[in-house]
Amino acid sequence: MRYGEYPLPRGACLNLGDRRYLYTTGYVPSLGRYPHGHVATPVQITDHIGDSATGDLLREGLPLTKMNWSSAHFA
């Protein structure tokens, strides 16, 4: 649990057994605020093929969530 006015930080990962959940939106420390008007919902990271570590996949996938070709909104 996190105390405060904002949701978990963007990039936080929650592990529940063999399931991983990545928050692609949330509090952004560099901005000092939560830039969205909705409740942050995590993305479930499913099984993958290969020998990459889960942490590496999460670190590589997070920057891809900032890409929004339809607007200039952050993340």
PDB file of N, CA and C in Angstrom:
ATOM      1  N   MET A   1       0.840  -1.183   0.000  1.00  0.00           N
ATOM      2  CA  MET A   1       0.000   0.000   0.000  1.00  0.00           C
ATOM      3  C   MET A   1       0.881   1.240   0.000  1.00  0.00           C
ATOM      4  N   ARG A   2       0.379   2.277  -0.594  1.00  0.00           N
ATOM      5  CA  ARG A   2       1.119   3.535  -0.685  1.00  0.00           C
ATOM      6  C   ARG A   2       0.248   4.633  -0.107  1.00  0.00           C
ATOM      7  N   TYR A   3       0.788   5.382   0.811  1.00  0.00           N
ATOM      8  CA  TYR A   3       0.066   6.511   1.390  1.00  0.00           C
ATOM      9  C   TYR A   3       0.337   7.755   0.548  1.00  0.00           C
ATOM     10  N   GLY A   4      -0.653   8.567   0.386  1.00  0.00           N
ATOM     11  CA  GLY A   4      -0.497   9.797  -0.367  1.00  0.00           C
ATOM     12  C   GLY A   4      -1.712  10.079  -1.223  1.00  0.00           C
ATOM     13  N   GLU A   5      -1.616  11.124  -2.009  1.00  0.00           N
ATOM     14  CA  GLU A   5      -2.725  11.557  -2.845  1.00  0.00           C
ATOM     15  C   GLU A   5      -2.698  10.943  -4.232  1.00  0.00           C
ATOM     16  N   TYR A   6      -1.619  10.292  -4.606  1.00  0.00           N
ATOM     17  CA  TYR A   6      -1.446   9.806  -5.966  1.00  0.00           C
ATOM     18  C   TYR A   6      -1.345   8.286  -6.005  1.00  0.00           C
ATOM     19  N   PRO A   7      -1.616   7.678  -7.176  1.00  0.00           N
ATOM     20  CA  PRO A   7      -1.466   6.227  -7.313  1.00  0.00           C
ATOM     21  C   PRO A   7       0.006   5.817  -7.319  1.00  0.00           C
ATOM     22  N   LEU A   8       0.238   4.540  -7.483  1.00  0.00           N
ATOM     23  CA  LEU A   8       1.610   4.028  -7.559  1.00  0.00           C
ATOM     24  C   LEU A   8       2.406   4.763  -8.623  1.00  0.00           C
ATOM     25  N   PRO A   9       3.710   4.816  -8.483  1.00  0.00           N
ATOM     26  CA  PRO A   9       4.529   5.458  -9.507  1.00  0.00           C
ATOM     27  C   PRO A   9       4.462   4.703 -10.837  1.00  0.00           C
ATOM     28  N   ARG A  10       4.558   5.422 -11.921  1.00  0.00           N
ATOM     29  CA  ARG A  10       4.621   4.817 -13.247  1.00  0.00           C
ATOM     30  C   ARG A  10       5.837   3.904 -13.281  1.00  0.00           C
ATOM     31  N   GLY A  11       5.660   2.680 -13.757  1.00  0.00           N
ATOM     32  CA  GLY A  11       6.745   1.718 -13.831  1.00  0.00           C
ATOM     33  C   GLY A  11       6.772   0.735 -12.676  1.00  0.00           C
ATOM     34  N   ALA A  12       5.873   0.913 -11.698  1.00  0.00           N
ATOM     35  CA  ALA A  12       5.816  -0.025 -10.575  1.00  0.00           C
ATOM     36  C   ALA A  12       5.352  -1.387 -11.077  1.00  0.00           C
ATOM     37  N   CYS A  13       5.909  -2.444 -10.501  1.00  0.00           N
ATOM     38  CA  CYS A  13       5.561  -3.806 -10.892  1.00  0.00           C
ATOM     39  C   CYS A  13       5.028  -4.544  -9.673  1.00  0.00           C
ATOM     40  N   LEU A  14       3.952  -5.274  -9.866  1.00  0.00           N
ATOM     41  CA  LEU A  14       3.338  -6.062  -8.816  1.00  0.00           C
ATOM     42  C   LEU A  14       3.415  -7.520  -9.221  1.00  0.00           C
ATOM     43  N   ASN A  15       3.994  -8.361  -8.362  1.00  0.00           N
ATOM     44  CA  ASN A  15       4.110  -9.791  -8.633  1.00  0.00           C
ATOM     45  C   ASN A  15       3.115 -10.549  -7.768  1.00  0.00           C
ATOM     46  N   LEU A  16       2.269 -11.332  -8.411  1.00  0.00           N
ATOM     47  CA  LEU A  16       1.317 -12.199  -7.709  1.00  0.00           C
ATOM     48  C   LEU A  16       1.508 -13.613  -8.243  1.00  0.00           C
ATOM     49  N   GLY A  17       2.305 -14.387  -7.548  1.00  0.00           N
ATOM     50  CA  GLY A  17       2.623 -15.729  -8.030  1.00  0.00           C
ATOM     51  C   GLY A  17       3.448 -15.637  -9.300  1.00  0.00           C
ATOM     52  N   ASP A  18       2.978 -16.271 -10.362  1.00  0.00           N
ATOM     53  CA  ASP A  18       3.702 -16.213 -11.637  1.00  0.00           C
ATOM     54  C   ASP A  18       3.177 -15.107 -12.544  1.00  0.00           C
ATOM     55  N   ARG A  19       2.267 -14.291 -12.053  1.00  0.00           N
ATOM     56  CA  ARG A  19       1.725 -13.174 -12.833  1.00  0.00           C
ATOM     57  C   ARG A  19       2.437 -11.884 -12.466  1.00  0.00           C
ATOM     58  N   ARG A  20       2.667 -11.042 -13.462  1.00  0.00           N
ATOM     59  CA  ARG A  20       3.312  -9.749 -13.259  1.00  0.00           C
ATOM     60  C   ARG A  20       2.381  -8.668 -13.803  1.00  0.00           C
ATOM     61  N   TYR A  21       2.259  -7.586 -13.057  1.00  0.00           N
ATOM     62  CA  TYR A  21       1.434  -6.446 -13.473  1.00  0.00           C
ATOM     63  C   TYR A  21       2.313  -5.210 -13.474  1.00  0.00           C
ATOM     64  N   LEU A  22       2.294  -4.478 -14.581  1.00  0.00           N
ATOM     65  CA  LEU A  22       3.119  -3.288 -14.757  1.00  0.00           C
ATOM     66  C   LEU A  22       2.209  -2.067 -14.870  1.00  0.00           C
ATOM     67  N   TYR A  23       2.463  -1.072 -14.029  1.00  0.00           N
ATOM     68  CA  TYR A  23       1.717   0.183 -14.101  1.00  0.00           C
ATOM     69  C   TYR A  23       2.370   1.077 -15.149  1.00  0.00           C
ATOM     70  N   THR A  24       1.667   1.272 -16.268  1.00  0.00           N
ATOM     71  CA  THR A  24       2.200   2.097 -17.349  1.00  0.00           C
ATOM     72  C   THR A  24       1.793   3.555 -17.192  1.00  0.00           C
ATOM     73  N   THR A  25       0.857   3.812 -16.282  1.00  0.00           N
ATOM     74  CA  THR A  25       0.518   5.177 -15.903  1.00  0.00           C
ATOM     75  C   THR A  25       0.613   5.248 -14.393  1.00  0.00           C
ATOM     76  N   GLY A  26       0.635   6.427 -13.864  1.00  0.00           N
ATOM     77  CA  GLY A  26       0.725   6.599 -12.423  1.00  0.00           C
ATOM     78  C   GLY A  26       1.467   7.886 -12.093  1.00  0.00           C
ATOM     79  N   TYR A  27       1.860   8.014 -10.850  1.00  0.00           N
ATOM     80  CA  TYR A  27       2.586   9.194 -10.388  1.00  0.00           C
ATOM     81  C   TYR A  27       3.951   9.263 -11.077  1.00  0.00           C
ATOM     82  N   VAL A  28       4.311  10.424 -11.577  1.00  0.00           N
ATOM     83  CA  VAL A  28       5.594  10.616 -12.251  1.00  0.00           C
ATOM     84  C   VAL A  28       6.444  11.553 -11.394  1.00  0.00           C
ATOM     85  N   PRO A  29       7.455  11.000 -10.691  1.00  0.00           N
ATOM     86  CA  PRO A  29       8.266  11.827  -9.796  1.00  0.00           C
ATOM     87  C   PRO A  29       8.927  13.019 -10.483  1.00  0.00           C
ATOM     88  N   SER A  30       9.389  12.840 -11.729  1.00  0.00           N
ATOM     89  CA  SER A  30      10.066  13.944 -12.417  1.00  0.00           C
ATOM     90  C   SER A  30       9.108  15.105 -12.709  1.00  0.00           C
ATOM     91  N   LEU A  31       7.817  14.803 -12.847  1.00  0.00           N
ATOM     92  CA  LEU A  31       6.818  15.859 -13.054  1.00  0.00           C
ATOM     93  C   LEU A  31       6.254  16.352 -11.737  1.00  0.00           C
ATOM     94  N   GLY A  32       6.408  15.543 -10.680  1.00  0.00           N
ATOM     95  CA  GLY A  32       5.876  15.906  -9.376  1.00  0.00           C
ATOM     96  C   GLY A  32       4.366  15.825  -9.283  1.00  0.00           C
ATOM     97  N   ARG A  33       3.752  15.030 -10.151  1.00  0.00           N
ATOM     98  CA  ARG A  33       2.294  14.924 -10.144  1.00  0.00           C
ATOM     99  C   ARG A  33       1.840  13.690 -10.902  1.00  0.00           C
ATOM    100  N   TYR A  34       0.542  13.474 -10.882  1.00  0.00           N
ATOM    101  CA  TYR A  34      -0.115  12.416 -11.644  1.00  0.00           C
ATOM    102  C   TYR A  34      -0.792  13.084 -12.827  1.00  0.00           C
ATOM    103  N   PRO A  35      -0.295  12.880 -14.053  1.00  0.00           N
ATOM    104  CA  PRO A  35      -0.780  13.662 -15.191  1.00  0.00           C
ATOM    105  C   PRO A  35      -2.083  13.198 -15.826  1.00  0.00           C
ATOM    106  N   HIS A  36      -2.789  12.249 -15.237  1.00  0.00           N
ATOM    107  CA  HIS A  36      -4.012  11.742 -15.862  1.00  0.00           C
ATOM    108  C   HIS A  36      -5.214  11.937 -14.953  1.00  0.00           C
ATOM    109  N   GLY A  37      -6.380  11.869 -15.533  1.00  0.00           N
ATOM    110  CA  GLY A  37      -7.600  12.047 -14.770  1.00  0.00           C
ATOM    111  C   GLY A  37      -8.351  10.752 -14.518  1.00  0.00           C
ATOM    112  N   HIS A  38      -7.681   9.625 -14.676  1.00  0.00           N
ATOM    113  CA  HIS A  38      -8.334   8.341 -14.449  1.00  0.00           C
ATOM    114  C   HIS A  38      -7.529   7.505 -13.455  1.00  0.00           C
ATOM    115  N   VAL A  39      -8.127   6.428 -12.995  1.00  0.00           N
ATOM    116  CA  VAL A  39      -7.454   5.527 -12.060  1.00  0.00           C
ATOM    117  C   VAL A  39      -6.432   4.700 -12.833  1.00  0.00           C
ATOM    118  N   ALA A  40      -5.212   4.677 -12.334  1.00  0.00           N
ATOM    119  CA  ALA A  40      -4.166   3.903 -12.990  1.00  0.00           C
ATOM    120  C   ALA A  40      -4.491   2.413 -12.911  1.00  0.00           C
ATOM    121  N   THR A  41      -4.442   1.731 -14.054  1.00  0.00           N
ATOM    122  CA  THR A  41      -4.723   0.306 -14.134  1.00  0.00           C
ATOM    123  C   THR A  41      -3.498  -0.394 -14.710  1.00  0.00           C
ATOM    124  N   PRO A  42      -3.031  -1.459 -14.067  1.00  0.00           N
ATOM    125  CA  PRO A  42      -1.831  -2.128 -14.560  1.00  0.00           C
ATOM    126  C   PRO A  42      -2.106  -2.990 -15.781  1.00  0.00           C
ATOM    127  N   VAL A  43      -1.051  -3.282 -16.515  1.00  0.00           N
ATOM    128  CA  VAL A  43      -1.081  -4.185 -17.661  1.00  0.00           C
ATOM    129  C   VAL A  43      -0.500  -5.510 -17.188  1.00  0.00           C
ATOM    130  N   GLN A  44      -1.177  -6.614 -17.495  1.00  0.00           N
ATOM    131  CA  GLN A  44      -0.651  -7.918 -17.093  1.00  0.00           C
ATOM    132  C   GLN A  44       0.399  -8.357 -18.102  1.00  0.00           C
ATOM    133  N   ILE A  45       1.556  -8.736 -17.590  1.00  0.00           N
ATOM    134  CA  ILE A  45       2.637  -9.239 -18.422  1.00  0.00           C
ATOM    135  C   ILE A  45       2.512 -10.760 -18.446  1.00  0.00           C
ATOM    136  N   THR A  46       2.301 -11.331 -19.625  1.00  0.00           N
ATOM    137  CA  THR A  46       2.087 -12.765 -19.748  1.00  0.00           C
ATOM    138  C   THR A  46       3.387 -13.484 -20.066  1.00  0.00           C
ATOM    139  N   ASP A  47       3.285 -14.785 -20.219  1.00  0.00           N
ATOM    140  CA  ASP A  47       4.457 -15.605 -20.531  1.00  0.00           C
ATOM    141  C   ASP A  47       5.138 -15.121 -21.803  1.00  0.00           C
ATOM    142  N   HIS A  48       6.406 -15.370 -21.862  1.00  0.00           N
ATOM    143  CA  HIS A  48       7.163 -15.013 -23.049  1.00  0.00           C
ATOM    144  C   HIS A  48       8.048 -16.181 -23.453  1.00  0.00           C
ATOM    145  N   ILE A  49       8.484 -16.163 -24.692  1.00  0.00           N
ATOM    146  CA  ILE A  49       9.370 -17.196 -25.205  1.00  0.00           C
ATOM    147  C   ILE A  49      10.761 -16.608 -25.284  1.00  0.00           C
ATOM    148  N   GLY A  50      11.726 -17.324 -24.777  1.00  0.00           N
ATOM    149  CA  GLY A  50      13.102 -16.848 -24.797  1.00  0.00           C
ATOM    150  C   GLY A  50      13.696 -16.888 -23.406  1.00  0.00           C
ATOM    151  N   ASP A  51      14.931 -16.436 -23.315  1.00  0.00           N
ATOM    152  CA  ASP A  51      15.621 -16.512 -22.032  1.00  0.00           C
ATOM    153  C   ASP A  51      15.822 -15.144 -21.383  1.00  0.00           C
ATOM    154  N   SER A  52      15.113 -14.146 -21.848  1.00  0.00           N
ATOM    155  CA  SER A  52      15.215 -12.812 -21.249  1.00  0.00           C
ATOM    156  C   SER A  52      14.630 -12.826 -19.845  1.00  0.00           C
ATOM    157  N   ALA A  53      15.275 -12.124 -18.943  1.00  0.00           N
ATOM    158  CA  ALA A  53      14.765 -12.011 -17.580  1.00  0.00           C
ATOM    159  C   ALA A  53      13.514 -11.136 -17.574  1.00  0.00           C
ATOM    160  N   THR A  54      12.602 -11.427 -16.661  1.00  0.00           N
ATOM    161  CA  THR A  54      11.353 -10.665 -16.572  1.00  0.00           C
ATOM    162  C   THR A  54      11.622  -9.183 -16.338  1.00  0.00           C
ATOM    163  N   GLY A  55      12.589  -8.874 -15.484  1.00  0.00           N
ATOM    164  CA  GLY A  55      12.926  -7.475 -15.221  1.00  0.00           C
ATOM    165  C   GLY A  55      13.370  -6.741 -16.472  1.00  0.00           C
ATOM    166  N   ASP A  56      14.129  -7.433 -17.324  1.00  0.00           N
ATOM    167  CA  ASP A  56      14.568  -6.824 -18.584  1.00  0.00           C
ATOM    168  C   ASP A  56      13.380  -6.528 -19.493  1.00  0.00           C
ATOM    169  N   LEU A  57      12.437  -7.470 -19.559  1.00  0.00           N
ATOM    170  CA  LEU A  57      11.252  -7.251 -20.393  1.00  0.00           C
ATOM    171  C   LEU A  57      10.433  -6.064 -19.907  1.00  0.00           C
ATOM    172  N   LEU A  58      10.299  -5.942 -18.594  1.00  0.00           N
ATOM    173  CA  LEU A  58       9.545  -4.821 -18.036  1.00  0.00           C
ATOM    174  C   LEU A  58      10.227  -3.494 -18.333  1.00  0.00           C
ATOM    175  N   ARG A  59      11.551  -3.447 -18.166  1.00  0.00           N
ATOM    176  CA  ARG A  59      12.301  -2.209 -18.444  1.00  0.00           C
ATOM    177  C   ARG A  59      12.243  -1.838 -19.926  1.00  0.00           C
ATOM    178  N   GLU A  60      12.240  -2.831 -20.814  1.00  0.00           N
ATOM    179  CA  GLU A  60      12.185  -2.556 -22.249  1.00  0.00           C
ATOM    180  C   GLU A  60      10.774  -2.195 -22.718  1.00  0.00           C
ATOM    181  N   GLY A  61       9.766  -2.746 -22.066  1.00  0.00           N
ATOM    182  CA  GLY A  61       8.392  -2.495 -22.481  1.00  0.00           C
ATOM    183  C   GLY A  61       7.842  -1.170 -22.019  1.00  0.00           C
ATOM    184  N   LEU A  62       8.299  -0.688 -20.878  1.00  0.00           N
ATOM    185  CA  LEU A  62       7.758   0.561 -20.325  1.00  0.00           C
ATOM    186  C   LEU A  62       7.932   1.757 -21.264  1.00  0.00           C
ATOM    187  N   PRO A  63       9.098   1.974 -21.875  1.00  0.00           N
ATOM    188  CA  PRO A  63       9.212   3.125 -22.796  1.00  0.00           C
ATOM    189  C   PRO A  63       8.262   3.047 -23.988  1.00  0.00           C
ATOM    190  N   LEU A  64       7.894   1.830 -24.403  1.00  0.00           N
ATOM    191  CA  LEU A  64       6.968   1.699 -25.527  1.00  0.00           C
ATOM    192  C   LEU A  64       5.582   2.222 -25.195  1.00  0.00           C
ATOM    193  N   THR A  65       5.228   2.242 -23.914  1.00  0.00           N
ATOM    194  CA  THR A  65       3.903   2.723 -23.524  1.00  0.00           C
ATOM    195  C   THR A  65       3.804   4.240 -23.591  1.00  0.00           C
ATOM    196  N   LYS A  66       4.913   4.929 -23.749  1.00  0.00           N
ATOM    197  CA  LYS A  66       4.877   6.393 -23.864  1.00  0.00           C
ATOM    198  C   LYS A  66       4.501   6.832 -25.268  1.00  0.00           C
ATOM    199  N   MET A  67       4.546   5.893 -26.213  1.00  0.00           N
ATOM    200  CA  MET A  67       4.274   6.225 -27.612  1.00  0.00           C
ATOM    201  C   MET A  67       2.773   6.287 -27.858  1.00  0.00           C
ATOM    202  N   ASN A  68       2.286   7.443 -28.232  1.00  0.00           N
ATOM    203  CA  ASN A  68       0.890   7.612 -28.591  1.00  0.00           C
ATOM    204  C   ASN A  68       0.871   8.463 -29.849  1.00  0.00           C
ATOM    205  N   TRP A  69       0.632   7.834 -30.966  1.00  0.00           N
ATOM    206  CA  TRP A  69       0.729   8.503 -32.247  1.00  0.00           C
ATOM    207  C   TRP A  69      -0.452   9.441 -32.492  1.00  0.00           C
ATOM    208  N   SER A  70      -1.522   9.301 -31.711  1.00  0.00           N
ATOM    209  CA  SER A  70      -2.716  10.117 -31.937  1.00  0.00           C
ATOM    210  C   SER A  70      -2.738  11.416 -31.144  1.00  0.00           C
ATOM    211  N   SER A  71      -1.829  11.546 -30.170  1.00  0.00           N
ATOM    212  CA  SER A  71      -1.822  12.758 -29.368  1.00  0.00           C
ATOM    213  C   SER A  71      -0.423  13.013 -28.831  1.00  0.00           C
ATOM    214  N   ALA A  72      -0.274  14.118 -28.172  1.00  0.00           N
ATOM    215  CA  ALA A  72       1.013  14.456 -27.565  1.00  0.00           C
ATOM    216  C   ALA A  72       0.975  14.236 -26.058  1.00  0.00           C
ATOM    217  N   HIS A  73      -0.007  13.472 -25.577  1.00  0.00           N
ATOM    218  CA  HIS A  73      -0.123  13.201 -24.148  1.00  0.00           C
ATOM    219  C   HIS A  73       1.019  12.345 -23.654  1.00  0.00           C
ATOM    220  N   PHE A  74       1.483  12.622 -22.462  1.00  0.00           N
ATOM    221  CA  PHE A  74       2.536  11.833 -21.853  1.00  0.00           C
ATOM    222  C   PHE A  74       2.009  10.464 -21.470  1.00  0.00           C
ATOM    223  N   ALA A  75       2.721   9.411 -21.847  1.00  0.00           N
ATOM    224  CA  ALA A  75       2.386   8.016 -21.521  1.00  0.00           C
ATOM    225  C   ALA A  75       0.995   7.654 -21.986  1.00  0.00           C
TER     226      ALA A  75
END
